[in-house]
Amino acid sequence: MAMTLRLSDDEQRALRERAASEGMSMQDVARRAIRDYVARSEHRDRVAAAADLILDAHADAIDRLGQ
């Protein structure tokens, strides 16, 4: 799927410099950044869901500890 990504001059310059320093294309660096962002977001969602599950399962004990 094609997509247009509009960057400011500073963002484009930073992306170009980072890509050059890593010997990669700007597109590959941007795609890697997107994959990393999605993975971090999914991880954060899983951690939040696990925390909610623990809080629900141990709500009585947590309430008693808070008193």
Protein backbone atom coordinates (compact mmCIF):
# COMPACT_ATOMS: atom_id res chain seq x y z
CA MET A 1 0.00 0.00 0.00
CA ALA A 2 1.36 3.39 -0.95
CA MET A 3 1.28 6.35 1.38
CA THR A 4 2.51 9.92 1.36
CA LEU A 5 4.32 11.09 4.47
CA ARG A 6 4.71 14.83 4.83
CA LEU A 7 7.67 15.90 6.94
CA SER A 8 8.91 19.29 8.03
CA ASP A 9 12.30 20.35 6.68
CA ASP A 10 13.89 19.55 10.04
CA GLU A 11 12.26 16.10 10.19
CA GLN A 12 13.35 15.30 6.65
CA ARG A 13 16.91 16.44 7.33
CA ALA A 14 17.07 14.36 10.52
CA LEU A 15 15.66 11.32 8.73
CA ARG A 16 18.10 11.72 5.84
CA GLU A 17 21.07 12.05 8.22
CA ARG A 18 20.00 9.04 10.32
CA ALA A 19 19.42 6.92 7.23
CA ALA A 20 22.82 7.85 5.80
CA SER A 21 24.59 7.12 9.08
CA GLU A 22 23.01 3.66 9.18
CA GLY A 23 23.51 2.95 5.49
CA MET A 24 19.77 2.62 4.96
CA SER A 25 17.20 4.36 2.81
CA MET A 26 14.97 6.97 4.37
CA GLN A 27 12.01 4.73 3.59
CA ASP A 28 13.53 1.77 5.45
CA VAL A 29 14.32 3.91 8.48
CA ALA A 30 10.78 5.33 8.52
CA ARG A 31 9.24 1.86 8.15
CA ARG A 32 11.41 0.56 11.01
CA ALA A 33 10.33 3.50 13.19
CA ILE A 34 6.69 2.73 12.48
CA ARG A 35 7.14 -0.97 13.30
CA ASP A 36 8.88 -0.03 16.57
CA TYR A 37 6.11 2.43 17.47
CA VAL A 38 3.40 -0.15 16.83
CA ALA A 39 5.25 -2.82 18.82
CA ARG A 40 5.72 -0.45 21.80
CA SER A 41 2.06 0.58 21.68
CA GLU A 42 0.89 -3.05 21.56
CA HIS A 43 3.20 -3.91 24.47
CA ARG A 44 1.87 -0.98 26.50
CA ASP A 45 -1.70 -2.18 25.82
CA ARG A 46 -0.85 -5.74 26.94
CA VAL A 47 0.78 -4.47 30.15
CA ALA A 48 -2.24 -2.27 30.92
CA ALA A 49 -4.62 -5.19 30.33
CA ALA A 50 -2.53 -7.46 32.58
CA ALA A 51 -2.46 -4.80 35.31
CA ASP A 52 -6.25 -4.42 35.09
CA LEU A 53 -6.64 -8.18 35.37
CA ILE A 54 -4.44 -8.32 38.47
CA LEU A 55 -6.22 -5.34 40.04
CA ASP A 56 -9.60 -7.00 39.43
CA ALA A 57 -8.47 -10.42 40.70
CA HIS A 58 -6.95 -8.98 43.88
CA ALA A 59 -9.25 -6.01 44.51
CA ASP A 60 -10.17 -7.14 48.05
CA ALA A 61 -6.56 -7.53 49.12
CA ILE A 62 -5.61 -4.22 47.54
CA ASP A 63 -8.47 -2.51 49.36
CA ARG A 64 -7.38 -4.04 52.68
CA LEU A 65 -3.78 -2.93 52.14
CA GLY A 66 -4.94 0.60 51.43
CA GLN A 67 -6.65 0.95 54.82
